[in-house]
Amino acid sequence: MAWFTEDDLSATADGRSYERGLGYVDAVVDVAELPDGVSPSSTAAPPTPSGCPDAPGPSSANVPVSTGRRARSASTPDLRKHLASQTSAELVDLILDLAADDPAIYRRLSLRAATAGKPDTAELRRLVSGLRGASFLDYRASYQYAGKAGDVLDALARVADNAPGVAAPLFRRAIELITKRSEQADDSGGAIGGAAARAVAGYAAACRAAPPPKPADLANWIIDFQLDGPGWPEVPVADFADALGEVGLDAYWRRLSELATTTNGKSRWDHRQFTITHLREEYLRTVTGDVDALVAVYAEDLSSGYQFVRIGAALRDAGRVDDAVRWLVRGLAEAPRPDSRVNELLAELHTTAGRFADALEQRWTLFAERPDQRRHRDLLDAAERAGTLTDTSDRAMAHLVTLAARGGYAADPLVSILVAAGDIEAAWVAAHEHRCSDGMLLGVAERRATTHPADAIPVYRDAAERSIAAKNKRGYADAARRLLVLRDLHERSGGDFAAELDSVKEAHRRKTTLLAELAKAGL
């Protein structure tokens, strides 16, 4: 392989991996030659360095070195030189022979031929039609199909550079076929969905370059495709706005408005109802920018607090903070169920407007509803701006203590917030005075152990026993880790870890898997 050197090989790994890779050259029996590289096609058991029975075998770092050295030692023809010596006719015959055995090569050659010079529209239609299918595509096949679609879209993009009017209807057909195929595929990797989105972008670009003679037809297709399709891909009307022009956009909005009257009274989650509403909102948000009309559409359904949040956010973004606040206050009173997002946005807007006491009121509501570190921090920030930091901090702590006294792990917020504040002593006392979760207690013990290792021993002992009680390998491995921490705690506090470990082994002497995990950990 004359196209890479020994320096190229050494650059693929650090010095140690390079030297180790040289020791595995004999393990590479043969290599598979690729246009841009080589890979091991068969290997033998690698030799073990003398005196190193536990030496590591080939790794991702040294395999390229051993494979490359084997390839350099092989005698292979210089393909480029050989091909350069052939006549045009010989090369044509060779390529056609390859295409006869490889559908992907044949497809790419056909697409190249159809897009060379004046586009061969009939051939392109045939190749686009090849994107249809009936059988289910598994995960791997979905990527193969996406590659096929990518070849077609590449060709359409080349056509669109010089003949967008020819490419546009072909892009539209590709969108329809790729989307239909995605409904019969495991596209969890998103490859087919990505191809469909690319087809939409190509169609939009072609339409902008060559606006359709009947923009209303395009407007109706954009709506119908999303109404009758599976819900993907998105066809953003803003990307087609220039192609639609005033006539097309008017037709688009008029059709949506007519459809909206036919779905009144249906569930908001009905597919047609949801899609029509989404398209109306998208049009007003991204094309016209008519905030009042957008608010009116949002207000058609006030069955959830989130609708008030959407209205508030739209008005905020338009610089109409007071209007946004009025809608959010209304949401607090009228929403069927409380939604913390209403309070969050209201607090933000009050802060922006300099109404710090009002912002603090919303932050208190949020904190009292579900106290956690973030809400406590937001509360104190609001209190500082309002000039009531000390009183609010005391009030919050009193609320946390009252909550902790209820039991049932209700002390977790108190302990967590004390830990976040760096008051480990108070957190340790609270964790023992009130009931908190095992995980929270262990977290406090970890911090307590830095200064009081003996105090943490009972907590880690209980944690180890809980892990053992799981009676599975994962639990036993976790128990071993806990016991390693216990060993350190005993050493730092002058305790007798040997006796503790003997007690664990004796109590669980029949759990051979546990004993094996302990031995593996050096216990």
Protein backbone atom coordinates (compact mmCIF):
# COMPACT_ATOMS: atom_id res chain seq x y z
CA MET A 1 0.00 0.00 0.00
CA ALA A 2 2.18 2.78 -1.27
CA TRP A 3 -0.29 5.53 -0.41
CA PHE A 4 0.55 5.65 3.32
CA THR A 5 3.87 5.71 5.14
CA GLU A 6 5.29 4.46 8.42
CA ASP A 7 4.93 8.02 9.75
CA ASP A 8 1.21 7.86 8.94
CA LEU A 9 0.93 4.70 11.02
CA SER A 10 2.80 6.15 14.00
CA ALA A 11 0.43 9.14 13.95
CA THR A 12 -2.55 6.84 14.61
CA ALA A 13 -1.40 5.93 18.13
CA ASP A 14 0.81 7.11 20.95
CA GLY A 15 4.31 5.65 21.34
CA ARG A 16 3.31 2.83 23.67
CA SER A 17 0.33 1.72 21.55
CA TYR A 18 2.47 1.93 18.40
CA GLU A 19 5.12 -0.38 19.86
CA ARG A 20 2.45 -2.78 21.11
CA GLY A 21 0.77 -2.76 17.70
CA LEU A 22 4.00 -3.84 16.04
CA GLY A 23 3.94 -6.90 18.28
CA TYR A 24 0.56 -7.96 16.89
CA VAL A 25 1.40 -7.83 13.17
CA ASP A 26 1.57 -11.63 12.98
CA ALA A 27 -1.96 -11.84 14.41
CA VAL A 28 -3.35 -10.10 11.32
CA VAL A 29 -3.69 -12.96 8.84
CA ASP A 30 -5.17 -10.88 6.03
CA VAL A 31 -6.50 -7.40 5.31
CA ALA A 32 -9.52 -6.18 3.39
CA GLU A 33 -8.58 -3.46 0.96
CA LEU A 34 -10.83 -0.39 0.75
CA PRO A 35 -10.67 2.64 -1.55
CA ASP A 36 -9.54 4.85 1.31
CA GLY A 37 -7.99 2.41 3.77
CA VAL A 38 -7.63 -1.16 4.99
CA SER A 39 -9.22 -3.24 7.72
CA PRO A 40 -8.33 -6.66 9.20
CA SER A 41 -10.41 -9.31 7.43
CA SER A 42 -9.12 -12.23 9.50
CA THR A 43 -7.00 -12.51 12.60
CA ALA A 44 -5.30 -15.21 14.64
CA ALA A 45 -4.86 -15.31 18.39
CA PRO A 46 -2.36 -12.58 19.27
CA PRO A 47 0.98 -13.60 20.71
CA THR A 48 1.48 -13.10 24.43
CA PRO A 49 4.64 -11.19 25.34
CA SER A 50 7.12 -13.43 27.14
CA GLY A 51 6.73 -13.28 30.90
CA CYS A 52 3.51 -11.22 30.70
CA PRO A 53 0.57 -13.64 30.97
CA ASP A 54 -1.78 -10.76 31.84
CA ALA A 55 -0.61 -8.42 29.08
CA PRO A 56 -3.47 -6.64 27.31
CA GLY A 57 -4.47 -7.82 23.84
CA PRO A 58 -5.02 -5.73 20.73
CA SER A 59 -7.03 -2.56 21.33
CA SER A 60 -8.63 0.16 19.21
CA ALA A 61 -5.36 2.09 19.57
CA ASN A 62 -2.94 -0.56 18.33
CA VAL A 63 -5.05 -2.53 15.80
CA PRO A 64 -4.60 0.19 13.11
CA VAL A 65 -0.83 -0.08 13.58
CA SER A 66 -0.69 -3.86 13.20
CA THR A 67 -3.17 -3.83 10.30
CA GLY A 68 -1.31 -1.04 8.51
CA ARG A 69 2.08 -2.76 8.94
CA ARG A 70 0.62 -5.99 7.52
CA ALA A 71 -0.84 -4.05 4.58
CA ARG A 72 2.49 -2.33 3.87
CA SER A 73 4.25 -5.68 3.84
CA ALA A 74 1.80 -7.08 1.28
CA SER A 75 2.43 -6.86 -2.43
CA THR A 76 -0.57 -5.13 -4.03
CA PRO A 77 -1.08 -3.52 -7.43
CA ASP A 78 -1.11 0.23 -7.84
CA LEU A 79 -4.78 0.67 -8.83
CA ARG A 80 -4.50 4.33 -9.74
CA LYS A 81 -1.61 3.66 -12.09
CA HIS A 82 -3.46 0.73 -13.65
CA LEU A 83 -6.67 2.70 -14.22
CA ALA A 84 -4.78 5.62 -15.69
CA SER A 85 -3.34 3.28 -18.31
CA GLN A 86 -6.75 2.14 -19.56
CA THR A 87 -8.58 3.59 -22.54
CA SER A 88 -11.90 5.40 -22.10
CA ALA A 89 -13.77 2.47 -23.63
CA GLU A 90 -12.11 0.02 -21.24
CA LEU A 91 -12.99 2.20 -18.27
CA VAL A 92 -16.62 2.47 -19.43
CA ASP A 93 -16.86 -1.32 -19.71
CA LEU A 94 -15.31 -1.74 -16.27
CA ILE A 95 -17.71 0.74 -14.64
CA LEU A 96 -20.72 -0.84 -16.31
CA ASP A 97 -19.60 -4.29 -15.11
CA LEU A 98 -19.34 -2.94 -11.57
CA ALA A 99 -22.76 -1.27 -11.84
CA ALA A 100 -24.29 -4.55 -13.00
CA ASP A 101 -23.24 -6.15 -9.70
CA ASP A 102 -23.96 -3.20 -7.37
CA PRO A 103 -27.40 -1.48 -7.34
CA ALA A 104 -26.00 1.52 -5.44
CA ILE A 105 -23.38 2.18 -8.12
CA TYR A 106 -25.97 1.72 -10.86
CA ARG A 107 -28.33 4.19 -9.14
CA ARG A 108 -25.62 6.82 -8.74
CA LEU A 109 -24.53 6.47 -12.34
CA SER A 110 -28.14 6.72 -13.52
CA LEU A 111 -28.68 9.86 -11.46
CA ARG A 112 -25.49 11.37 -12.83
CA ALA A 113 -26.57 10.60 -16.37
CA ALA A 114 -30.07 12.01 -15.80
CA THR A 115 -28.71 15.29 -14.45
CA ALA A 116 -25.89 15.83 -16.96
CA GLY A 117 -26.65 18.73 -19.27
CA LYS A 118 -30.38 19.09 -19.84
CA PRO A 119 -32.17 17.10 -17.10
CA ASP A 120 -33.80 13.86 -18.22
CA THR A 121 -37.13 14.46 -16.48
CA ALA A 122 -38.60 11.06 -17.31
CA GLU A 123 -35.55 9.24 -15.93
CA LEU A 124 -35.56 11.39 -12.81
CA ARG A 125 -39.23 10.60 -12.23
CA ARG A 126 -38.41 6.91 -12.52
CA LEU A 127 -35.57 7.19 -10.01
CA VAL A 128 -37.68 9.20 -7.57
CA SER A 129 -40.44 6.58 -7.89
CA GLY A 130 -37.84 4.04 -6.78
CA LEU A 131 -38.17 5.50 -3.28
CA ARG A 132 -41.50 3.75 -2.78
CA GLY A 133 -41.64 0.38 -1.06
CA ALA A 134 -43.95 -2.06 0.68
CA SER A 135 -41.99 -4.29 3.06
CA PHE A 136 -41.02 -3.22 6.56
CA LEU A 137 -37.52 -1.78 6.96
CA ASP A 138 -35.61 -2.81 10.07
CA TYR A 139 -33.14 -0.50 11.80
CA ARG A 140 -30.21 -1.33 9.53
CA ALA A 141 -32.30 -1.26 6.36
CA SER A 142 -33.62 2.17 7.30
CA TYR A 143 -30.11 3.58 7.00
CA GLN A 144 -29.66 1.88 3.64
CA TYR A 145 -32.92 3.41 2.43
CA ALA A 146 -31.89 6.82 3.72
CA GLY A 147 -28.65 6.51 1.75
CA LYS A 148 -30.65 5.71 -1.37
CA ALA A 149 -32.90 8.72 -0.74
CA GLY A 150 -29.81 10.86 -0.18
CA ASP A 151 -28.48 9.91 -3.63
CA VAL A 152 -31.76 10.97 -5.23
CA LEU A 153 -31.86 14.24 -3.31
CA ASP A 154 -28.27 14.97 -4.31
CA ALA A 155 -29.31 14.62 -7.93
CA LEU A 156 -32.37 16.84 -7.48
CA ALA A 157 -30.20 19.47 -5.82
CA ARG A 158 -27.94 19.49 -8.88
CA VAL A 159 -30.96 19.92 -11.13
CA ALA A 160 -32.31 22.71 -8.93
CA ASP A 161 -29.13 24.73 -9.42
CA ASN A 162 -30.02 25.36 -13.06
CA ALA A 163 -33.63 24.20 -13.46
CA PRO A 164 -35.52 24.73 -10.15
CA GLY A 165 -38.85 24.54 -11.94
CA VAL A 166 -38.01 21.00 -13.04
CA ALA A 167 -36.72 19.98 -9.60
CA ALA A 168 -39.62 21.35 -7.53
CA PRO A 169 -42.32 18.76 -8.41
CA LEU A 170 -39.74 15.99 -8.10
CA PHE A 171 -38.81 17.19 -4.61
CA ARG A 172 -42.50 17.20 -3.68
CA ARG A 173 -42.93 13.63 -4.86
CA ALA A 174 -39.79 12.61 -2.97
CA ILE A 175 -41.22 14.13 0.22
CA GLU A 176 -44.40 12.11 -0.15
CA LEU A 177 -42.63 8.82 -0.87
CA ILE A 178 -39.95 9.16 1.82
CA THR A 179 -42.57 10.08 4.42
CA LYS A 180 -44.75 7.14 3.42
CA ARG A 181 -41.76 4.82 3.67
CA SER A 182 -40.89 6.11 7.13
CA GLU A 183 -44.25 4.81 8.36
CA GLN A 184 -43.10 1.28 7.49
CA ALA A 185 -39.65 1.43 9.04
CA ASP A 186 -37.74 1.31 12.28
CA ASP A 187 -36.44 4.85 11.95
CA SER A 188 -35.46 5.20 15.60
CA GLY A 189 -32.08 6.46 14.38
CA GLY A 190 -33.81 9.29 12.49
CA ALA A 191 -32.07 8.63 9.16
CA ILE A 192 -35.23 8.53 7.05
CA GLY A 193 -36.72 11.45 8.95
CA GLY A 194 -33.57 13.41 8.20
CA ALA A 195 -33.92 12.62 4.50
CA ALA A 196 -37.55 13.76 4.54
CA ALA A 197 -36.59 17.05 6.21
CA ARG A 198 -33.86 17.55 3.63
CA ALA A 199 -36.41 16.97 0.85
CA VAL A 200 -38.68 19.63 2.37
CA ALA A 201 -35.80 22.11 2.49
CA GLY A 202 -34.92 21.31 -1.14
CA TYR A 203 -38.53 21.77 -2.23
CA ALA A 204 -38.77 25.13 -0.46
CA ALA A 205 -35.54 26.35 -2.08
CA ALA A 206 -36.68 25.24 -5.54
CA CYS A 207 -40.05 26.97 -5.06
CA ARG A 208 -38.35 30.19 -3.98
CA ALA A 209 -36.12 30.09 -7.05
CA ALA A 210 -39.04 29.27 -9.38
CA PRO A 211 -42.35 30.31 -7.77
CA PRO A 212 -45.25 28.07 -8.88
CA PRO A 213 -47.76 29.50 -11.38
CA LYS A 214 -50.63 28.53 -9.05
CA PRO A 215 -49.55 29.49 -5.52
CA ALA A 216 -52.91 28.50 -4.07
CA ASP A 217 -52.25 24.90 -5.10
CA LEU A 218 -48.96 24.98 -3.19
CA ALA A 219 -50.74 26.47 -0.17
CA ASN A 220 -53.31 23.67 -0.20
CA TRP A 221 -50.63 20.99 -0.57
CA ILE A 222 -48.71 22.30 2.45
CA ILE A 223 -51.89 22.10 4.54
CA ASP A 224 -53.16 18.76 3.20
CA PHE A 225 -49.78 17.05 3.50
CA GLN A 226 -49.65 17.84 7.21
CA LEU A 227 -53.34 17.16 7.84
CA ASP A 228 -53.33 13.77 6.13
CA GLY A 229 -49.79 12.68 6.96
CA PRO A 230 -48.30 11.04 10.03
CA GLY A 231 -47.25 14.32 11.64
CA TRP A 232 -43.77 14.54 10.14
CA PRO A 233 -41.80 16.09 8.59
CA GLU A 234 -42.60 19.69 9.41
CA VAL A 235 -43.30 21.86 6.37
CA PRO A 236 -42.64 25.38 7.71
CA VAL A 237 -44.85 27.82 5.84
CA ALA A 238 -42.32 30.61 6.46
CA ASP A 239 -39.83 28.74 4.24
CA PHE A 240 -42.39 28.91 1.41
CA ALA A 241 -43.60 32.47 2.05
CA ASP A 242 -41.64 34.04 -0.81
CA ALA A 243 -42.82 31.36 -3.22
CA LEU A 244 -46.45 31.69 -2.11
CA GLY A 245 -46.49 35.45 -2.37
CA GLU A 246 -49.47 37.52 -1.26
CA VAL A 247 -51.95 35.44 -3.26
CA GLY A 248 -50.70 32.12 -1.90
CA LEU A 249 -50.45 33.31 1.69
CA ASP A 250 -54.00 34.69 1.55
CA ALA A 251 -55.22 31.36 0.21
CA TYR A 252 -53.28 29.54 2.93
CA TRP A 253 -54.83 31.55 5.79
CA ARG A 254 -58.32 31.49 4.26
CA ARG A 255 -58.22 27.68 3.97
CA LEU A 256 -56.99 27.28 7.55
CA SER A 257 -59.71 29.61 8.83
CA GLU A 258 -62.36 27.57 7.01
CA LEU A 259 -60.99 24.33 8.41
CA ALA A 260 -60.94 25.77 11.93
CA THR A 261 -64.72 26.31 11.81
CA THR A 262 -65.25 22.63 10.95
CA THR A 263 -63.33 21.35 13.99
CA ASN A 264 -64.97 23.47 16.68
CA GLY A 265 -65.93 21.38 19.68
CA LYS A 266 -63.48 18.57 18.98
CA SER A 267 -60.85 17.52 21.49
CA ARG A 268 -57.69 19.60 21.38
CA TRP A 269 -55.80 16.32 20.92
CA ASP A 270 -57.78 15.28 17.85
CA HIS A 271 -55.20 15.02 15.06
CA ARG A 272 -56.96 17.37 12.65
CA GLN A 273 -57.89 19.84 15.37
CA PHE A 274 -54.34 19.86 16.75
CA THR A 275 -52.73 20.22 13.31
CA ILE A 276 -55.02 23.03 12.15
CA THR A 277 -54.43 24.96 15.36
CA HIS A 278 -50.68 24.41 15.12
CA LEU A 279 -50.58 25.63 11.52
CA ARG A 280 -52.59 28.73 12.36
CA GLU A 281 -50.30 29.54 15.27
CA GLU A 282 -47.19 28.93 13.17
CA TYR A 283 -48.46 31.22 10.40
CA LEU A 284 -49.21 34.08 12.78
CA ARG A 285 -45.96 33.63 14.67
CA THR A 286 -43.54 33.21 11.77
CA VAL A 287 -45.17 34.93 8.79
CA THR A 288 -47.42 37.82 9.84
CA GLY A 289 -46.08 38.51 13.35
CA ASP A 290 -49.62 39.57 14.36
CA VAL A 291 -49.41 39.16 18.14
CA ASP A 292 -53.03 40.05 18.85
CA ALA A 293 -54.26 37.48 16.33
CA LEU A 294 -51.88 34.90 17.83
CA VAL A 295 -53.18 35.63 21.33
CA ALA A 296 -56.73 35.22 20.03
CA VAL A 297 -55.90 31.76 18.67
CA TYR A 298 -54.22 30.76 21.93
CA ALA A 299 -57.26 32.03 23.84
CA GLU A 300 -59.63 29.78 21.90
CA ASP A 301 -58.59 27.01 24.29
CA LEU A 302 -57.89 28.02 27.90
CA SER A 303 -58.34 24.53 29.31
CA SER A 304 -54.82 24.47 30.74
CA GLY A 305 -52.54 26.87 32.54
CA TYR A 306 -49.93 26.44 29.84
CA GLN A 307 -52.11 28.35 27.37
CA PHE A 308 -51.83 31.40 29.61
CA VAL A 309 -48.06 30.91 29.66
CA ARG A 310 -47.98 30.87 25.86
CA ILE A 311 -50.01 34.07 25.72
CA GLY A 312 -47.79 35.69 28.33
CA ALA A 313 -44.62 34.68 26.47
CA ALA A 314 -45.94 36.00 23.14
CA LEU A 315 -46.81 39.36 24.70
CA ARG A 316 -43.51 39.52 26.57
CA ASP A 317 -41.57 38.89 23.37
CA ALA A 318 -43.52 41.74 21.77
CA GLY A 319 -42.42 44.05 24.60
CA ARG A 320 -45.93 44.21 26.11
CA VAL A 321 -45.04 43.23 29.67
CA ASP A 322 -48.11 44.72 31.37
CA ASP A 323 -50.46 42.93 28.98
CA ALA A 324 -48.57 39.70 29.63
CA VAL A 325 -48.89 40.16 33.39
CA ARG A 326 -52.65 40.71 33.11
CA TRP A 327 -53.07 37.45 31.22
CA LEU A 328 -50.91 35.51 33.68
CA VAL A 329 -52.80 36.88 36.68
CA ARG A 330 -55.97 35.80 34.93
CA GLY A 331 -54.40 32.39 34.47
CA LEU A 332 -53.81 32.06 38.22
CA ALA A 333 -57.50 32.62 38.78
CA GLU A 334 -59.03 30.77 35.84
CA ALA A 335 -56.79 27.82 34.93
CA PRO A 336 -58.52 24.54 35.87
CA ARG A 337 -55.36 23.30 37.58
CA PRO A 338 -52.36 25.15 39.01
CA ASP A 339 -49.39 25.34 36.66
CA SER A 340 -46.09 26.47 38.16
CA ARG A 341 -45.00 27.80 34.78
CA VAL A 342 -47.55 30.61 35.19
CA ASN A 343 -45.93 31.63 38.48
CA GLU A 344 -42.43 31.29 37.01
CA LEU A 345 -43.15 33.63 34.09
CA LEU A 346 -45.08 36.04 36.29
CA ALA A 347 -42.14 36.27 38.69
CA GLU A 348 -39.80 36.90 35.77
CA LEU A 349 -41.99 39.70 34.38
CA HIS A 350 -42.47 41.36 37.78
CA THR A 351 -38.70 41.35 38.21
CA THR A 352 -38.20 42.85 34.74
CA ALA A 353 -40.69 45.60 35.58
CA GLY A 354 -39.00 46.30 38.94
CA ARG A 355 -41.96 45.03 40.99
CA PHE A 356 -39.74 43.07 43.35
CA ALA A 357 -42.31 42.50 46.11
CA ASP A 358 -44.74 41.00 43.59
CA ALA A 359 -41.96 38.81 42.18
CA LEU A 360 -41.13 37.64 45.71
CA GLU A 361 -44.76 36.66 46.29
CA GLN A 362 -44.66 34.37 43.24
CA ARG A 363 -41.32 32.91 44.27
CA TRP A 364 -42.74 32.10 47.71
CA THR A 365 -45.73 30.35 46.15
CA LEU A 366 -43.39 28.21 44.05
CA PHE A 367 -41.12 27.41 46.99
CA ALA A 368 -43.97 26.50 49.30
CA GLU A 369 -45.48 24.26 46.62
CA ARG A 370 -42.32 22.20 46.09
CA PRO A 371 -39.22 23.30 47.99
CA ASP A 372 -35.92 22.37 46.38
CA GLN A 373 -32.49 23.90 45.97
CA ARG A 374 -33.29 25.85 42.80
CA ARG A 375 -36.53 27.32 44.10
CA HIS A 376 -34.89 28.19 47.40
CA ARG A 377 -32.09 30.00 45.56
CA ASP A 378 -34.61 31.86 43.37
CA LEU A 379 -36.59 32.80 46.49
CA LEU A 380 -33.57 34.27 48.24
CA ASP A 381 -32.52 36.15 45.10
CA ALA A 382 -35.99 37.70 44.90
CA ALA A 383 -35.92 38.49 48.61
CA GLU A 384 -32.56 40.22 48.27
CA ARG A 385 -33.94 42.42 45.51
CA ALA A 386 -37.00 43.17 47.63
CA GLY A 387 -34.85 44.01 50.67
CA THR A 388 -36.25 41.20 52.86
CA LEU A 389 -33.49 38.60 52.67
CA THR A 390 -33.14 37.85 56.39
CA ASP A 391 -36.88 37.61 57.10
CA THR A 392 -37.53 35.51 54.02
CA SER A 393 -34.63 33.18 54.77
CA ASP A 394 -35.93 32.62 58.33
CA ARG A 395 -39.45 32.07 57.04
CA ALA A 396 -38.24 29.54 54.48
CA MET A 397 -36.25 27.63 57.09
CA ALA A 398 -39.24 27.52 59.45
CA HIS A 399 -41.38 26.18 56.59
CA LEU A 400 -38.81 23.46 55.84
CA VAL A 401 -38.65 22.39 59.50
CA THR A 402 -42.45 22.22 59.72
CA LEU A 403 -42.51 20.15 56.56
CA ALA A 404 -39.78 17.82 57.85
CA ALA A 405 -41.75 17.10 61.00
CA ARG A 406 -44.45 15.41 58.91
CA GLY A 407 -42.23 12.38 58.32
CA GLY A 408 -42.22 10.20 55.23
CA TYR A 409 -38.90 11.53 53.89
CA ALA A 410 -40.32 15.07 54.09
CA ALA A 411 -36.98 16.16 55.58
CA ASP A 412 -35.19 15.70 52.25
CA PRO A 413 -35.72 19.32 51.09
CA LEU A 414 -34.46 20.69 54.44
CA VAL A 415 -31.36 18.49 54.41
CA SER A 416 -30.65 19.14 50.74
CA ILE A 417 -30.90 22.92 51.11
CA LEU A 418 -28.68 22.91 54.22
CA VAL A 419 -26.07 20.89 52.34
CA ALA A 420 -26.24 23.29 49.41
CA ALA A 421 -25.71 26.16 51.85
CA GLY A 422 -22.59 24.43 53.18
CA ASP A 423 -24.04 23.93 56.68
CA ILE A 424 -23.11 20.25 56.97
CA GLU A 425 -23.44 20.24 60.77
CA ALA A 426 -27.05 21.44 60.62
CA ALA A 427 -27.81 19.04 57.76
CA TRP A 428 -26.39 16.12 59.79
CA VAL A 429 -28.50 17.03 62.81
CA ALA A 430 -31.65 17.46 60.68
CA ALA A 431 -31.09 14.15 58.89
CA HIS A 432 -31.09 12.34 62.25
CA GLU A 433 -33.73 14.40 63.99
CA HIS A 434 -36.19 13.92 61.13
CA ARG A 435 -36.68 11.08 58.69
CA CYS A 436 -35.01 11.46 55.31
CA SER A 437 -34.39 9.06 52.45
CA ASP A 438 -31.48 6.61 52.51
CA GLY A 439 -29.85 8.33 49.56
CA MET A 440 -30.07 11.74 51.20
CA LEU A 441 -28.64 10.41 54.47
CA LEU A 442 -25.77 8.76 52.61
CA GLY A 443 -25.03 12.02 50.80
CA VAL A 444 -24.82 13.91 54.09
CA ALA A 445 -22.68 11.14 55.60
CA GLU A 446 -20.20 11.46 52.73
CA ARG A 447 -19.69 15.13 53.58
CA ARG A 448 -19.75 14.51 57.34
CA ALA A 449 -17.00 11.91 56.93
CA THR A 450 -14.46 14.53 55.88
CA THR A 451 -14.34 15.86 59.46
CA HIS A 452 -16.08 13.18 61.55
CA PRO A 453 -15.30 9.76 59.99
CA ALA A 454 -16.60 7.76 62.95
CA ASP A 455 -20.06 9.38 62.63
CA ALA A 456 -20.40 8.14 59.06
CA ILE A 457 -19.60 4.50 59.85
CA PRO A 458 -23.14 3.40 60.86
CA VAL A 459 -24.61 5.03 57.75
CA TYR A 460 -22.23 3.25 55.38
CA ARG A 461 -22.68 -0.01 57.30
CA ASP A 462 -26.46 0.16 56.80
CA ALA A 463 -25.98 1.08 53.15
CA ALA A 464 -23.76 -1.98 52.62
CA GLU A 465 -26.37 -4.26 54.20
CA ARG A 466 -29.11 -2.80 52.00
CA SER A 467 -27.00 -3.50 48.92
CA ILE A 468 -26.39 -7.07 50.04
CA ALA A 469 -30.12 -7.53 50.62
CA ALA A 470 -30.68 -6.95 46.90
CA LYS A 471 -29.18 -10.43 46.36
CA ASN A 472 -27.76 -9.75 42.93
CA LYS A 473 -24.31 -9.14 41.49
CA ARG A 474 -24.86 -5.44 41.09
CA GLY A 475 -25.89 -5.12 44.73
CA TYR A 476 -22.88 -7.14 45.86
CA ALA A 477 -20.51 -4.93 43.85
CA ASP A 478 -22.12 -1.87 45.42
CA ALA A 479 -21.71 -3.43 48.88
CA ALA A 480 -18.02 -3.96 48.17
CA ARG A 481 -17.64 -0.29 47.34
CA ARG A 482 -19.38 0.68 50.55
CA LEU A 483 -17.08 -1.59 52.54
CA LEU A 484 -14.03 -0.01 50.95
CA VAL A 485 -15.28 3.35 52.20
CA LEU A 486 -15.87 1.77 55.61
CA ARG A 487 -12.29 0.55 55.66
CA ASP A 488 -11.06 4.09 55.10
CA LEU A 489 -13.40 5.46 57.78
CA HIS A 490 -12.20 2.89 60.33
CA GLU A 491 -8.57 3.64 59.53
CA ARG A 492 -9.10 7.38 59.97
CA SER A 493 -11.09 6.99 63.19
CA GLY A 494 -9.07 4.19 64.79
CA GLY A 495 -11.83 1.60 64.41
CA ASP A 496 -11.55 -2.15 63.89
CA PHE A 497 -12.43 -2.74 60.25
CA ALA A 498 -11.07 -6.31 60.29
CA ALA A 499 -13.67 -7.32 62.86
CA GLU A 500 -16.40 -5.57 60.87
CA LEU A 501 -15.41 -7.32 57.65
CA ASP A 502 -15.21 -10.71 59.41
CA SER A 503 -18.72 -10.13 60.75
CA VAL A 504 -20.07 -9.39 57.25
CA LYS A 505 -18.41 -12.47 55.77
CA GLU A 506 -19.65 -14.70 58.56
CA ALA A 507 -23.22 -13.41 58.32
CA HIS A 508 -23.24 -14.00 54.56
CA ARG A 509 -20.89 -16.98 54.30
CA ARG A 510 -23.25 -18.84 51.94
CA LYS A 511 -23.39 -15.99 49.43
CA THR A 512 -20.49 -17.11 47.26
CA THR A 513 -21.08 -14.41 44.65
CA LEU A 514 -20.84 -11.75 47.36
CA LEU A 515 -17.64 -13.25 48.73
CA ALA A 516 -16.20 -13.30 45.21
CA GLU A 517 -17.01 -9.60 44.76
CA LEU A 518 -15.35 -8.80 48.09
CA ALA A 519 -12.25 -10.74 47.07
CA LYS A 520 -12.22 -8.94 43.73
CA ALA A 521 -12.23 -5.64 45.62
CA GLY A 522 -9.31 -6.81 47.77
CA LEU A 523 -11.44 -7.37 50.87
